[in-house]
N, C-alpha and C. Protein backbone atom coordinates (compact mmCIF):
# COMPACT_ATOMS: atom_id res chain seq x y z
N MET A 1 1.04 20.29 9.75
CA MET A 1 0.60 21.16 8.65
C MET A 1 -0.30 20.71 7.97
N ASN A 2 -1.13 21.75 7.65
CA ASN A 2 -2.55 21.48 7.06
C ASN A 2 -2.17 21.17 5.93
N GLY A 3 -3.25 20.26 4.56
CA GLY A 3 -3.60 19.67 3.49
C GLY A 3 -2.67 20.60 2.57
N ALA A 4 -2.93 21.84 2.40
CA ALA A 4 -2.81 22.94 1.19
C ALA A 4 -0.85 22.99 1.46
N ALA A 5 -0.63 23.20 3.06
CA ALA A 5 0.76 23.88 2.97
C ALA A 5 2.06 22.56 2.58
N LEU A 6 1.40 20.95 3.00
CA LEU A 6 1.71 20.01 2.43
C LEU A 6 2.20 20.13 1.15
N VAL A 7 1.18 19.53 0.30
CA VAL A 7 1.17 19.65 -0.92
C VAL A 7 2.25 21.23 -1.59
N GLY A 8 2.52 22.25 -0.81
CA GLY A 8 3.45 23.14 -1.67
C GLY A 8 4.73 22.65 -1.19
N ALA A 9 4.86 22.59 0.28
CA ALA A 9 6.28 21.83 0.51
C ALA A 9 6.67 20.77 -0.36
N LEU A 10 5.61 19.65 -0.65
CA LEU A 10 6.29 18.22 -1.52
C LEU A 10 6.43 19.16 -2.81
N GLU A 11 5.73 19.91 -3.03
CA GLU A 11 6.26 20.74 -4.77
C GLU A 11 7.48 21.57 -4.52
N ARG A 12 7.65 22.05 -3.06
CA ARG A 12 9.33 22.19 -3.22
C ARG A 12 10.48 21.63 -3.18
N ARG A 13 9.88 20.45 -2.51
CA ARG A 13 10.94 19.58 -1.83
C ARG A 13 11.48 18.80 -3.07
N PHE A 14 10.48 18.23 -4.02
CA PHE A 14 10.82 17.17 -5.05
C PHE A 14 10.48 17.79 -6.73
N ARG A 15 11.09 17.38 -7.69
CA ARG A 15 10.15 17.68 -8.85
C ARG A 15 8.99 16.77 -8.96
N THR A 16 8.07 17.55 -9.22
CA THR A 16 6.96 16.87 -9.08
C THR A 16 6.03 16.25 -10.59
N SER A 17 5.30 15.56 -10.35
CA SER A 17 4.21 15.61 -11.72
C SER A 17 2.92 14.96 -11.01
N VAL A 18 1.67 14.78 -11.82
CA VAL A 18 0.85 14.17 -11.58
C VAL A 18 0.30 13.67 -12.84
N THR A 19 -0.40 12.54 -12.06
CA THR A 19 -0.76 11.55 -12.95
C THR A 19 -2.33 11.11 -12.38
N ASP A 20 -2.92 10.95 -13.65
CA ASP A 20 -4.61 10.56 -13.54
C ASP A 20 -4.64 8.54 -13.18
N ALA A 21 -5.32 8.48 -12.32
CA ALA A 21 -5.60 6.79 -12.24
C ALA A 21 -6.77 6.92 -12.14
N THR A 22 -7.51 6.34 -13.09
CA THR A 22 -8.83 6.10 -12.87
C THR A 22 -9.36 4.72 -12.29
N ILE A 23 -10.25 3.94 -11.64
CA ILE A 23 -10.04 3.06 -11.03
C ILE A 23 -11.77 2.94 -10.83
N GLY A 24 -12.68 2.41 -11.62
CA GLY A 24 -13.66 2.32 -11.60
C GLY A 24 -14.17 3.51 -12.26
N LYS A 25 -14.98 3.69 -11.54
CA LYS A 25 -16.17 5.05 -12.53
C LYS A 25 -15.22 6.27 -11.34
N ARG A 26 -14.34 5.75 -10.75
CA ARG A 26 -13.46 7.08 -9.94
C ARG A 26 -12.10 7.63 -10.90
N THR A 27 -11.82 8.57 -10.56
CA THR A 27 -10.19 9.30 -11.04
C THR A 27 -9.59 9.88 -10.18
N PHE A 28 -8.75 9.26 -9.55
CA PHE A 28 -7.93 10.13 -8.43
C PHE A 28 -6.58 10.75 -9.33
N SER A 29 -6.26 11.91 -8.89
CA SER A 29 -4.91 12.55 -9.21
C SER A 29 -4.04 12.57 -8.09
N ILE A 30 -3.24 11.87 -8.56
CA ILE A 30 -1.80 11.75 -8.17
C ILE A 30 -0.93 12.02 -8.45
N LEU A 31 -0.17 13.08 -7.49
CA LEU A 31 0.84 13.74 -7.08
C LEU A 31 2.19 13.30 -6.64
N LYS A 32 2.93 13.38 -7.19
CA LYS A 32 4.04 12.31 -6.94
C LYS A 32 5.48 13.11 -7.48
N PRO A 33 6.70 12.23 -6.88
CA PRO A 33 7.90 12.71 -7.88
C PRO A 33 8.15 12.00 -9.07
N ALA A 34 8.60 13.30 -9.87
CA ALA A 34 8.63 13.55 -11.28
C ALA A 34 9.16 12.27 -11.75
N ASN A 35 10.19 11.71 -11.23
CA ASN A 35 11.46 10.46 -11.00
C ASN A 35 11.98 10.12 -10.00
N SER A 36 11.78 8.90 -9.91
CA SER A 36 11.93 8.12 -8.39
C SER A 36 13.36 8.29 -8.34
N ASP A 37 14.00 8.40 -9.61
CA ASP A 37 15.62 8.09 -9.40
C ASP A 37 16.26 9.32 -8.83
N ASP A 38 15.40 10.62 -8.54
CA ASP A 38 15.77 11.54 -8.21
C ASP A 38 16.44 11.44 -6.74
N LEU A 39 15.11 10.39 -5.99
CA LEU A 39 15.06 10.23 -4.67
C LEU A 39 16.31 9.39 -4.58
N ILE A 40 16.65 8.29 -5.28
CA ILE A 40 18.08 7.61 -4.75
C ILE A 40 18.78 8.37 -3.77
N ARG A 41 19.50 8.09 -2.55
CA ARG A 41 20.03 8.21 -1.64
C ARG A 41 21.09 7.21 -1.40
N GLU A 42 22.59 7.62 -1.37
CA GLU A 42 23.49 6.46 -1.11
C GLU A 42 23.52 5.46 -0.15
N GLU A 43 23.08 6.82 0.93
CA GLU A 43 22.97 6.19 2.70
C GLU A 43 22.45 5.38 3.05
N ASP A 44 20.94 5.83 2.60
CA ASP A 44 20.01 4.77 2.34
C ASP A 44 20.03 3.21 1.65
N PHE A 45 20.70 3.22 0.70
CA PHE A 45 21.15 2.43 0.18
C PHE A 45 22.15 1.05 0.89
N VAL A 46 22.98 2.01 1.32
CA VAL A 46 24.32 1.65 2.12
C VAL A 46 23.87 0.72 3.56
N LYS A 47 22.55 1.74 4.25
CA LYS A 47 21.79 0.95 5.08
C LYS A 47 21.34 -0.13 5.15
N ASP A 48 20.46 -0.35 4.81
CA ASP A 48 19.44 -1.29 4.22
C ASP A 48 19.30 -1.98 2.76
N GLU A 49 20.15 -0.99 1.52
CA GLU A 49 19.88 -1.36 0.48
C GLU A 49 18.22 -0.76 -0.03
N ARG A 50 17.96 0.09 0.74
CA ARG A 50 16.66 0.85 0.11
C ARG A 50 16.64 1.04 -0.97
N LEU A 51 15.68 1.34 -1.85
CA LEU A 51 15.39 2.33 -3.30
C LEU A 51 13.98 2.70 -3.04
N PRO A 52 13.86 4.07 -3.97
CA PRO A 52 12.33 4.41 -3.34
C PRO A 52 11.23 3.88 -4.56
N TYR A 53 11.27 2.82 -4.49
CA TYR A 53 9.76 1.84 -5.19
C TYR A 53 8.57 2.89 -4.89
N TRP A 54 8.30 3.21 -3.59
CA TRP A 54 7.17 3.76 -2.97
C TRP A 54 7.15 5.09 -4.28
N ALA A 55 7.78 5.68 -4.87
CA ALA A 55 7.63 6.79 -5.55
C ALA A 55 6.65 6.48 -6.75
N ASP A 56 6.46 5.58 -7.44
CA ASP A 56 5.66 5.21 -8.92
C ASP A 56 4.06 4.43 -8.15
N VAL A 57 3.54 4.63 -9.01
CA VAL A 57 2.15 4.06 -9.41
C VAL A 57 2.64 2.68 -9.94
N TRP A 58 2.12 1.99 -9.22
CA TRP A 58 2.70 0.40 -9.80
C TRP A 58 1.28 -0.57 -9.97
N PRO A 59 1.49 -1.20 -11.39
CA PRO A 59 -0.08 -1.92 -11.51
C PRO A 59 -0.96 -2.85 -10.36
N SER A 60 -0.08 -3.14 -9.52
CA SER A 60 -0.74 -3.89 -8.49
C SER A 60 -1.65 -3.19 -7.57
N SER A 61 -0.98 -1.64 -7.34
CA SER A 61 -2.23 -0.81 -6.26
C SER A 61 -3.34 -0.49 -7.12
N ILE A 62 -3.06 -0.31 -8.53
CA ILE A 62 -4.35 0.12 -9.50
C ILE A 62 -5.17 -1.10 -9.05
N VAL A 63 -4.78 -2.44 -9.55
CA VAL A 63 -6.01 -3.48 -9.06
C VAL A 63 -6.67 -3.61 -8.04
N LEU A 64 -5.51 -3.23 -7.06
CA LEU A 64 -6.10 -3.83 -5.47
C LEU A 64 -6.75 -2.39 -5.24
N ALA A 65 -6.80 -1.33 -5.94
CA ALA A 65 -7.35 0.07 -5.56
C ALA A 65 -8.76 -0.25 -5.96
N GLU A 66 -9.17 -1.27 -7.40
CA GLU A 66 -10.13 -1.42 -7.69
C GLU A 66 -10.88 -2.49 -6.92
N LYS A 67 -10.39 -3.19 -6.11
CA LYS A 67 -11.08 -4.49 -5.39
C LYS A 67 -11.40 -3.38 -4.32
N LEU A 68 -10.55 -2.16 -3.71
CA LEU A 68 -11.15 -1.68 -2.49
C LEU A 68 -12.10 -1.05 -2.50
N LEU A 69 -12.00 -0.50 -3.94
CA LEU A 69 -13.75 0.56 -3.96
C LEU A 69 -15.21 -0.53 -4.17
N GLU A 70 -14.91 -1.44 -4.68
CA GLU A 70 -16.03 -2.73 -4.59
C GLU A 70 -16.62 -2.80 -3.14
N LEU A 71 -15.78 -2.29 -1.68
CA LEU A 71 -16.08 -2.94 -0.39
C LEU A 71 -16.84 -1.81 0.38
N ASN A 72 -17.87 -2.06 1.41
CA ASN A 72 -18.28 -1.37 1.84
C ASN A 72 -17.48 -1.30 3.43
N GLY A 73 -16.76 -0.02 3.75
CA GLY A 73 -15.85 0.08 4.85
C GLY A 73 -16.83 0.59 6.18
N GLU A 74 -18.06 1.31 5.69
CA GLU A 74 -18.33 1.97 6.32
C GLU A 74 -18.29 1.53 8.01
N GLY A 75 -17.74 2.37 9.10
CA GLY A 75 -17.75 1.91 10.35
C GLY A 75 -16.26 0.87 10.70
N LYS A 76 -15.36 0.46 9.83
CA LYS A 76 -14.28 -0.12 9.67
C LYS A 76 -13.02 0.33 9.62
N THR A 77 -12.49 -0.41 10.48
CA THR A 77 -10.91 0.16 10.33
C THR A 77 -10.04 -0.47 9.28
N ALA A 78 -8.94 0.08 8.50
CA ALA A 78 -7.95 -0.64 7.41
C ALA A 78 -6.78 0.16 8.05
N LEU A 79 -5.84 -0.89 7.91
CA LEU A 79 -4.32 -0.65 7.98
C LEU A 79 -3.66 -1.04 6.13
N GLU A 80 -2.87 0.24 6.05
CA GLU A 80 -2.10 -0.10 4.71
C GLU A 80 -0.78 -0.70 5.10
N LEU A 81 0.15 -1.37 4.41
CA LEU A 81 1.58 -1.80 4.88
C LEU A 81 1.99 -1.55 3.61
N GLY A 82 2.78 -0.41 3.76
CA GLY A 82 3.59 0.26 2.47
C GLY A 82 2.54 1.15 1.31
N CYS A 83 2.64 2.05 2.02
CA CYS A 83 1.40 3.00 1.53
C CYS A 83 1.57 4.08 -0.19
N GLY A 84 3.23 4.30 0.02
CA GLY A 84 3.76 4.68 -1.51
C GLY A 84 3.25 6.10 -1.65
N VAL A 85 2.67 6.00 -2.50
CA VAL A 85 2.18 7.58 -3.17
C VAL A 85 0.70 7.56 -2.43
N GLY A 86 -0.29 6.44 -2.34
CA GLY A 86 -1.73 6.64 -1.57
C GLY A 86 -2.38 6.14 -2.06
N LEU A 87 -2.49 5.46 -3.56
CA LEU A 87 -3.67 5.50 -4.60
C LEU A 87 -4.25 3.91 -3.85
N SER A 88 -4.09 3.12 -3.03
CA SER A 88 -4.79 1.91 -2.58
C SER A 88 -5.59 2.84 -1.25
N THR A 89 -4.94 3.84 -0.39
CA THR A 89 -5.42 4.13 0.80
C THR A 89 -6.87 5.60 0.02
N LEU A 90 -6.07 5.90 -0.94
CA LEU A 90 -7.53 6.63 -1.47
C LEU A 90 -8.57 6.07 -1.53
N ALA A 91 -8.90 4.52 -2.28
CA ALA A 91 -9.58 3.63 -2.44
C ALA A 91 -10.35 3.37 -1.58
N ALA A 92 -9.23 2.78 -0.29
CA ALA A 92 -10.07 2.49 0.95
C ALA A 92 -10.87 4.06 1.88
N THR A 93 -10.76 4.71 1.49
CA THR A 93 -10.88 6.10 2.36
C THR A 93 -12.57 6.13 1.56
N ALA A 94 -12.16 6.28 0.30
CA ALA A 94 -13.34 6.77 -0.84
C ALA A 94 -14.25 5.30 -0.54
N ALA A 95 -14.00 4.28 0.36
CA ALA A 95 -14.87 3.22 -0.11
C ALA A 95 -15.97 3.33 1.63
N GLY A 96 -14.97 4.15 2.50
CA GLY A 96 -15.71 4.52 3.50
C GLY A 96 -14.61 3.74 4.87
N PHE A 97 -13.74 3.21 4.74
CA PHE A 97 -12.76 2.78 5.20
C PHE A 97 -11.99 3.99 6.53
N ASP A 98 -11.90 3.65 7.68
CA ASP A 98 -11.09 4.62 8.67
C ASP A 98 -9.41 3.92 8.57
N VAL A 99 -8.64 4.41 7.44
CA VAL A 99 -7.43 4.11 7.55
C VAL A 99 -6.12 4.63 7.82
N LEU A 100 -5.55 3.29 8.44
CA LEU A 100 -4.07 3.95 8.67
C LEU A 100 -2.86 3.40 7.85
N SER A 101 -2.62 4.39 7.47
CA SER A 101 -1.16 4.32 6.06
C SER A 101 0.31 4.48 6.80
N THR A 102 0.87 3.00 6.40
CA THR A 102 1.86 3.14 6.76
C THR A 102 3.23 3.08 5.79
N ASP A 103 4.10 3.08 6.22
CA ASP A 103 5.31 2.76 5.14
C ASP A 103 6.88 3.45 6.06
N TYR A 104 7.56 2.75 5.14
CA TYR A 104 8.98 3.04 6.32
C TYR A 104 10.00 4.41 5.57
N TYR A 105 9.35 5.51 4.37
CA TYR A 105 9.80 6.24 4.04
C TYR A 105 8.80 6.92 4.77
N GLU A 106 9.46 8.38 4.98
CA GLU A 106 8.72 9.30 5.80
C GLU A 106 7.91 10.39 4.74
N ASP A 107 8.91 10.24 2.98
CA ASP A 107 8.23 10.73 2.15
C ASP A 107 6.91 10.29 1.68
N ALA A 108 6.84 9.16 1.83
CA ALA A 108 5.83 8.70 0.99
C ALA A 108 4.86 8.73 1.95
N LEU A 109 5.11 8.86 3.28
CA LEU A 109 3.93 8.87 4.34
C LEU A 109 2.99 10.66 3.90
N ASP A 110 4.33 11.48 3.50
CA ASP A 110 3.77 13.20 3.42
C ASP A 110 3.32 13.22 1.96
N VAL A 111 3.12 12.40 1.00
CA VAL A 111 2.92 12.16 -0.65
C VAL A 111 1.24 11.61 -0.18
N THR A 112 1.00 10.55 0.58
CA THR A 112 0.09 9.67 0.83
C THR A 112 -0.84 11.01 1.13
N ARG A 113 -0.58 12.04 2.32
CA ARG A 113 -1.49 12.52 3.12
C ARG A 113 -1.80 14.04 2.06
N ALA A 114 -0.67 14.17 1.28
CA ALA A 114 -1.18 15.10 0.41
C ALA A 114 -2.12 14.67 -0.81
N ASN A 115 -1.87 13.08 -1.10
CA ASN A 115 -3.18 13.18 -2.38
C ASN A 115 -4.24 12.91 -1.39
N VAL A 116 -4.55 12.43 -0.33
CA VAL A 116 -5.73 12.00 0.18
C VAL A 116 -6.35 13.32 0.19
N PHE A 117 -5.55 14.61 0.96
CA PHE A 117 -6.42 15.93 1.10
C PHE A 117 -6.65 16.30 -0.25
N ARG A 118 -5.66 15.92 -1.34
CA ARG A 118 -6.07 16.73 -2.64
C ARG A 118 -7.22 15.84 -3.32
N ASN A 119 -7.91 14.83 -3.16
CA ASN A 119 -8.93 14.04 -3.84
C ASN A 119 -10.12 14.23 -2.75
N LEU A 120 -9.86 14.02 -1.69
CA LEU A 120 -10.75 13.66 -1.05
C LEU A 120 -11.08 14.61 0.63
N GLY A 121 -10.19 15.72 0.38
CA GLY A 121 -10.47 16.90 1.75
C GLY A 121 -10.24 16.38 2.66
N LYS A 122 -9.73 15.14 2.94
CA LYS A 122 -9.07 14.53 4.44
C LYS A 122 -7.90 14.81 4.85
N THR A 123 -7.55 14.65 6.17
CA THR A 123 -6.56 14.37 6.86
C THR A 123 -6.35 12.95 6.99
N ALA A 124 -5.39 12.39 6.53
CA ALA A 124 -4.87 10.81 6.48
C ALA A 124 -4.46 10.91 7.99
N ARG A 125 -4.39 9.50 8.14
CA ARG A 125 -4.06 8.93 9.63
C ARG A 125 -2.53 8.07 8.75
N THR A 126 -1.32 8.61 9.38
CA THR A 126 -0.41 8.08 8.44
C THR A 126 0.74 7.81 9.97
N ARG A 127 1.47 6.39 9.85
CA ARG A 127 2.45 6.27 10.91
C ARG A 127 3.59 5.67 9.92
N LEU A 128 4.92 5.94 10.79
CA LEU A 128 6.22 5.60 10.27
C LEU A 128 6.31 3.98 10.72
N VAL A 129 6.49 2.62 9.84
CA VAL A 129 6.59 1.18 10.06
C VAL A 129 7.71 0.73 9.54
N ASP A 130 8.49 0.35 10.18
CA ASP A 130 9.53 -0.56 9.70
C ASP A 130 9.25 -2.22 10.35
N TRP A 131 8.70 -3.23 9.03
CA TRP A 131 8.58 -4.44 9.52
C TRP A 131 9.44 -4.77 10.09
N ARG A 132 10.17 -4.91 10.18
CA ARG A 132 11.89 -5.49 11.47
C ARG A 132 11.76 -5.20 12.57
N HIS A 133 10.95 -3.91 12.97
CA HIS A 133 10.99 -3.87 14.22
C HIS A 133 9.25 -3.08 14.44
N LEU A 134 8.48 -3.89 14.43
CA LEU A 134 6.79 -3.40 14.35
C LEU A 134 6.43 -2.89 15.66
N PRO A 135 6.34 -1.89 15.31
CA PRO A 135 5.42 -1.31 17.04
C PRO A 135 4.60 -2.41 17.67
N ALA A 136 4.58 -2.17 18.97
CA ALA A 136 3.78 -3.53 19.61
C ALA A 136 2.38 -2.44 19.93
N ASN A 137 2.35 -1.44 19.57
CA ASN A 137 0.91 -0.71 19.78
C ASN A 137 0.57 -0.42 18.37
N LEU A 138 0.76 -1.14 17.09
CA LEU A 138 0.23 -0.83 15.85
C LEU A 138 -1.18 -1.14 15.84
N GLY A 139 -2.07 -2.17 16.73
CA GLY A 139 -3.82 -2.54 17.01
C GLY A 139 -3.50 -3.47 15.78
N ARG A 140 -5.26 -3.97 15.90
CA ARG A 140 -5.56 -4.23 14.82
C ARG A 140 -6.92 -3.94 13.94
N PHE A 141 -7.33 -4.69 12.99
CA PHE A 141 -8.03 -3.62 11.83
C PHE A 141 -8.88 -5.01 11.42
N ASP A 142 -10.40 -3.95 10.73
CA ASP A 142 -10.97 -5.24 10.10
C ASP A 142 -10.56 -5.81 8.78
N LEU A 143 -9.43 -4.83 7.93
CA LEU A 143 -8.85 -5.21 6.72
C LEU A 143 -7.34 -4.78 6.99
N VAL A 144 -6.31 -5.56 6.42
CA VAL A 144 -5.10 -5.46 6.01
C VAL A 144 -4.80 -4.81 4.73
N PHE A 145 -4.22 -4.30 3.92
CA PHE A 145 -3.75 -4.45 2.78
C PHE A 145 -2.92 -3.95 2.25
N ALA A 146 -2.22 -4.49 1.16
CA ALA A 146 -0.72 -4.42 1.07
C ALA A 146 -0.49 -4.56 -0.90
N SER A 147 -0.20 -3.69 -1.85
CA SER A 147 0.37 -4.03 -3.19
C SER A 147 1.51 -4.28 -3.24
N ASP A 148 2.10 -5.10 -4.24
CA ASP A 148 3.01 -5.41 -4.66
C ASP A 148 4.67 -5.51 -3.47
N VAL A 149 4.35 -6.15 -2.39
CA VAL A 149 5.55 -5.67 -1.11
C VAL A 149 6.34 -7.16 -1.32
N LEU A 150 6.09 -8.46 -2.26
CA LEU A 150 6.80 -9.54 -2.03
C LEU A 150 7.91 -9.45 -2.98
N TYR A 151 9.04 -8.64 -3.42
CA TYR A 151 9.91 -8.54 -3.92
C TYR A 151 10.90 -9.00 -3.05
N GLU A 152 10.99 -9.10 -2.22
CA GLU A 152 12.34 -9.97 -1.38
C GLU A 152 12.15 -11.05 -0.40
N LYS A 153 12.36 -12.23 -0.23
CA LYS A 153 12.46 -13.09 0.18
C LYS A 153 11.84 -12.66 1.92
N GLU A 154 12.87 -11.77 2.30
CA GLU A 154 12.63 -11.37 4.02
C GLU A 154 10.84 -10.85 4.33
N TYR A 155 10.53 -10.04 3.24
CA TYR A 155 9.42 -9.53 3.47
C TYR A 155 8.35 -10.60 3.16
N ALA A 156 8.52 -11.44 2.28
CA ALA A 156 7.82 -12.34 1.94
C ALA A 156 7.87 -13.36 3.67
N GLU A 157 8.44 -13.27 4.00
CA GLU A 157 8.32 -14.32 5.22
C GLU A 157 7.98 -13.58 6.49
N LEU A 158 8.31 -12.07 6.48
CA LEU A 158 7.95 -11.16 7.16
C LEU A 158 6.29 -11.00 7.45
N LEU A 159 5.87 -10.64 6.81
CA LEU A 159 4.21 -10.52 6.19
C LEU A 159 3.35 -11.39 7.04
N PRO A 160 3.59 -12.55 6.87
CA PRO A 160 2.03 -13.45 7.58
C PRO A 160 2.04 -13.22 8.95
N SER A 161 3.44 -12.93 9.85
CA SER A 161 3.54 -12.54 11.02
C SER A 161 2.79 -11.53 11.48
N ILE A 162 3.12 -10.50 10.44
CA ILE A 162 2.62 -8.91 11.02
C ILE A 162 0.83 -9.06 10.36
N LEU A 163 0.39 -9.89 9.59
CA LEU A 163 -0.92 -10.04 9.01
C LEU A 163 -1.89 -10.63 10.79
N ASP A 164 -1.13 -11.71 11.22
CA ASP A 164 -1.37 -12.35 12.12
C ASP A 164 -1.72 -11.71 13.47
N GLY A 165 -0.77 -10.69 13.53
CA GLY A 165 -1.23 -9.64 14.74
C GLY A 165 -2.10 -8.40 14.59
N ALA A 166 -2.26 -7.91 12.93
CA ALA A 166 -2.59 -7.13 13.02
C ALA A 166 -4.22 -7.13 12.19
N ILE A 167 -4.62 -8.33 12.10
CA ILE A 167 -6.12 -8.57 11.76
C ILE A 167 -6.79 -8.56 12.97
N ALA A 168 -7.92 -8.08 12.55
CA ALA A 168 -9.07 -8.23 14.19
C ALA A 168 -10.08 -9.33 14.00
N ARG A 169 -10.39 -9.80 14.77
CA ARG A 169 -11.36 -10.98 15.09
C ARG A 169 -12.58 -10.84 14.34
N GLY A 170 -12.32 -11.72 13.16
CA GLY A 170 -13.69 -11.29 12.07
C GLY A 170 -13.04 -10.80 10.59
N GLY A 171 -12.09 -9.90 11.37
CA GLY A 171 -11.07 -9.41 9.81
C GLY A 171 -10.69 -10.01 8.54
N MET A 172 -9.97 -9.93 7.90
CA MET A 172 -9.05 -10.27 6.36
C MET A 172 -8.19 -9.05 6.16
N ALA A 173 -7.78 -9.93 5.09
CA ALA A 173 -6.05 -9.14 4.26
C ALA A 173 -6.40 -9.72 2.84
N LEU A 174 -5.81 -8.28 2.28
CA LEU A 174 -6.12 -8.17 1.02
C LEU A 174 -4.47 -8.01 0.48
N ILE A 175 -4.06 -9.05 -0.34
CA ILE A 175 -2.69 -8.56 -0.97
C ILE A 175 -2.83 -9.09 -2.24
N ALA A 176 -2.16 -7.50 -3.24
CA ALA A 176 -2.17 -7.73 -4.30
C ALA A 176 -0.38 -8.17 -5.13
N ASP A 177 -0.18 -9.01 -5.52
CA ASP A 177 1.15 -9.12 -6.36
C ASP A 177 1.23 -9.90 -7.58
N PRO A 178 1.81 -8.86 -8.28
CA PRO A 178 2.06 -9.37 -9.77
C PRO A 178 3.26 -10.64 -10.42
N GLY A 179 2.93 -11.78 -9.06
CA GLY A 179 3.66 -12.73 -9.45
C GLY A 179 5.43 -12.58 -9.02
N ARG A 180 5.74 -12.19 -8.29
CA ARG A 180 7.09 -12.00 -7.35
C ARG A 180 7.32 -13.57 -7.12
N VAL A 181 8.87 -13.45 -7.44
CA VAL A 181 9.38 -14.94 -7.26
C VAL A 181 9.08 -15.10 -5.54
N ALA A 182 9.29 -14.08 -4.66
CA ALA A 182 9.08 -14.96 -3.40
C ALA A 182 7.41 -14.93 -2.70
N ALA A 183 6.47 -14.83 -3.85
CA ALA A 183 5.31 -15.05 -3.57
C ALA A 183 5.07 -16.16 -2.68
N PRO A 184 5.49 -17.55 -3.58
CA PRO A 184 5.31 -18.83 -2.83
C PRO A 184 5.99 -18.98 -1.41
N ILE A 185 7.01 -18.21 -1.25
CA ILE A 185 7.30 -18.42 0.35
C ILE A 185 6.54 -17.68 0.98
N PHE A 186 5.31 -16.69 0.63
CA PHE A 186 4.90 -15.75 1.45
C PHE A 186 3.55 -17.03 1.52
N VAL A 187 3.04 -17.54 0.42
CA VAL A 187 1.94 -18.51 0.57
C VAL A 187 2.37 -19.71 1.97
N GLU A 188 3.90 -19.78 1.82
CA GLU A 188 4.13 -21.26 2.38
C GLU A 188 3.89 -20.46 4.13
N ALA A 189 4.64 -19.55 3.94
CA ALA A 189 4.72 -19.09 5.56
C ALA A 189 2.97 -18.07 6.15
N CYS A 190 2.28 -17.97 5.31
CA CYS A 190 0.69 -17.80 5.64
C CYS A 190 0.54 -19.12 6.66
N GLY A 191 0.19 -20.25 6.09
CA GLY A 191 0.01 -21.48 6.55
C GLY A 191 0.69 -21.70 8.00
N ALA A 192 2.34 -20.90 7.90
CA ALA A 192 3.21 -21.48 9.23
C ALA A 192 2.31 -20.80 10.38
N SER A 193 2.10 -19.75 9.84
CA SER A 193 1.20 -18.34 10.64
C SER A 193 -0.49 -18.59 10.71
N GLY A 194 -0.40 -19.66 10.80
CA GLY A 194 -2.02 -19.76 11.05
C GLY A 194 -2.88 -19.21 10.12
N LEU A 195 -3.27 -18.51 8.73
CA LEU A 195 -3.74 -17.73 8.16
C LEU A 195 -4.14 -18.66 6.94
N VAL A 196 -4.82 -18.79 6.17
CA VAL A 196 -6.16 -19.44 5.44
C VAL A 196 -5.96 -18.19 4.14
N ILE A 197 -5.41 -18.90 3.16
CA ILE A 197 -6.07 -18.28 1.40
C ILE A 197 -6.99 -18.61 1.49
N GLN A 198 -8.22 -17.89 1.55
CA GLN A 198 -9.68 -18.10 1.01
C GLN A 198 -9.80 -18.27 -0.43
N SER A 199 -8.84 -17.44 -0.91
CA SER A 199 -8.98 -17.07 -2.61
C SER A 199 -8.01 -16.42 -3.05
N LYS A 200 -7.72 -16.92 -4.41
CA LYS A 200 -6.47 -16.09 -4.85
C LYS A 200 -7.42 -15.70 -6.56
N GLU A 201 -7.60 -14.44 -6.84
CA GLU A 201 -7.96 -13.93 -7.97
C GLU A 201 -7.15 -13.24 -8.83
N THR A 202 -7.08 -13.83 -9.92
CA THR A 202 -6.02 -13.24 -10.82
C THR A 202 -6.70 -12.33 -11.82
N LYS A 203 -6.18 -10.92 -12.13
CA LYS A 203 -6.82 -9.85 -12.82
C LYS A 203 -5.84 -9.76 -13.70
N PRO A 204 -5.86 -9.49 -15.12
CA PRO A 204 -5.13 -9.25 -16.01
C PRO A 204 -5.09 -7.33 -15.94
N PHE A 205 -3.91 -6.95 -16.11
CA PHE A 205 -3.60 -5.54 -16.10
C PHE A 205 -2.94 -5.44 -17.51
N GLU A 206 -3.64 -4.28 -18.59
CA GLU A 206 -2.82 -4.15 -19.64
C GLU A 206 -2.97 -2.49 -20.07
N VAL A 207 -1.90 -1.94 -19.85
CA VAL A 207 -1.66 -0.18 -19.81
C VAL A 207 -0.22 -0.35 -21.02
N GLY A 208 -0.75 0.14 -22.24
CA GLY A 208 0.45 0.30 -23.02
C GLY A 208 1.47 -0.63 -23.58
N GLU A 209 2.72 -1.10 -23.28
CA GLU A 209 3.38 -2.04 -23.32
C GLU A 209 3.44 -2.58 -21.75
N ILE A 210 2.87 -2.13 -20.96
CA ILE A 210 2.85 -3.03 -19.75
C ILE A 210 1.70 -4.18 -19.28
N LYS A 211 2.06 -5.17 -19.67
CA LYS A 211 1.42 -6.48 -19.44
C LYS A 211 1.32 -7.35 -18.28
N GLN A 212 0.81 -7.57 -17.26
CA GLN A 212 1.03 -8.25 -16.30
C GLN A 212 -0.26 -9.15 -15.79
N ARG A 213 -0.21 -9.59 -14.83
CA ARG A 213 -1.40 -10.70 -14.55
C ARG A 213 -1.16 -10.49 -12.37
N ILE A 214 -2.13 -9.35 -12.14
CA ILE A 214 -1.63 -9.66 -10.91
C ILE A 214 -2.71 -10.43 -9.93
N ASP A 215 -2.28 -11.21 -8.65
CA ASP A 215 -2.93 -11.84 -8.16
C ASP A 215 -3.50 -11.12 -6.61
N ILE A 216 -4.72 -11.48 -6.43
CA ILE A 216 -5.22 -10.86 -4.75
C ILE A 216 -5.75 -11.85 -4.23
N TYR A 217 -4.74 -12.26 -2.72
CA TYR A 217 -4.79 -13.05 -2.46
C TYR A 217 -6.03 -12.54 -1.23
N SER A 218 -7.01 -13.08 -0.99
CA SER A 218 -7.93 -12.70 0.43
C SER A 218 -7.35 -13.97 1.41
N ILE A 219 -7.42 -13.21 2.38
CA ILE A 219 -6.63 -13.94 3.47
C ILE A 219 -7.28 -13.53 5.30
N ASP A 220 -7.57 -14.97 5.57
CA ASP A 220 -8.37 -15.15 7.25
C ASP A 220 -7.41 -15.46 7.83
N LYS A 221 -7.96 -15.54 9.20
CA LYS A 221 -6.88 -16.01 10.13
C LYS A 221 -7.86 -17.17 10.11
N THR A 222 -7.26 -18.47 11.20
CA THR A 222 -8.01 -19.42 11.75
C THR A 222 -8.49 -19.20 12.94
């Protein structure tokens, strides 16, 4: 399905809204479900307690997108873990990276493809990925990035092993987190997996009543 047809299909599938996200000197137009509550499915929750967190623009993704736009990705590959509506993928693609966007919701992959087409006129590469059953042929990347994915202990423990297998020689990872309770578990698991947290940069985020401090972990392999 081409980009224009995908946008039309999504607008028929969901009640949609458009949110502008200003990242540095750029403004991205984000097509998304109007209300994530509309997407809650009992069968998903019963299966593995899935909730459609992917359908919102989270502060961590905005701060991570700002960081990504500062990079030069020309000639480099990148992997997003948990792409959601695609804001960070947009920033990385605009910075020149060849991005593979992953999520465990097919709807998230469709919305990401639609937003890359709407904003950049490009076709995004996407793949359905469940961290608990990681594909053996996922590959290695110059940059791996994710935002606000440490909201459960299980994911905090899984993520370092995924990074260890996905970061190419000389590559790095950027993980943005708003201080979730599982973040210390992630930091400890990084050490156990042979990963080195080179820096933790904390940036304030304030929009209206939302006030958060977002940590960006810069991670290398030993």
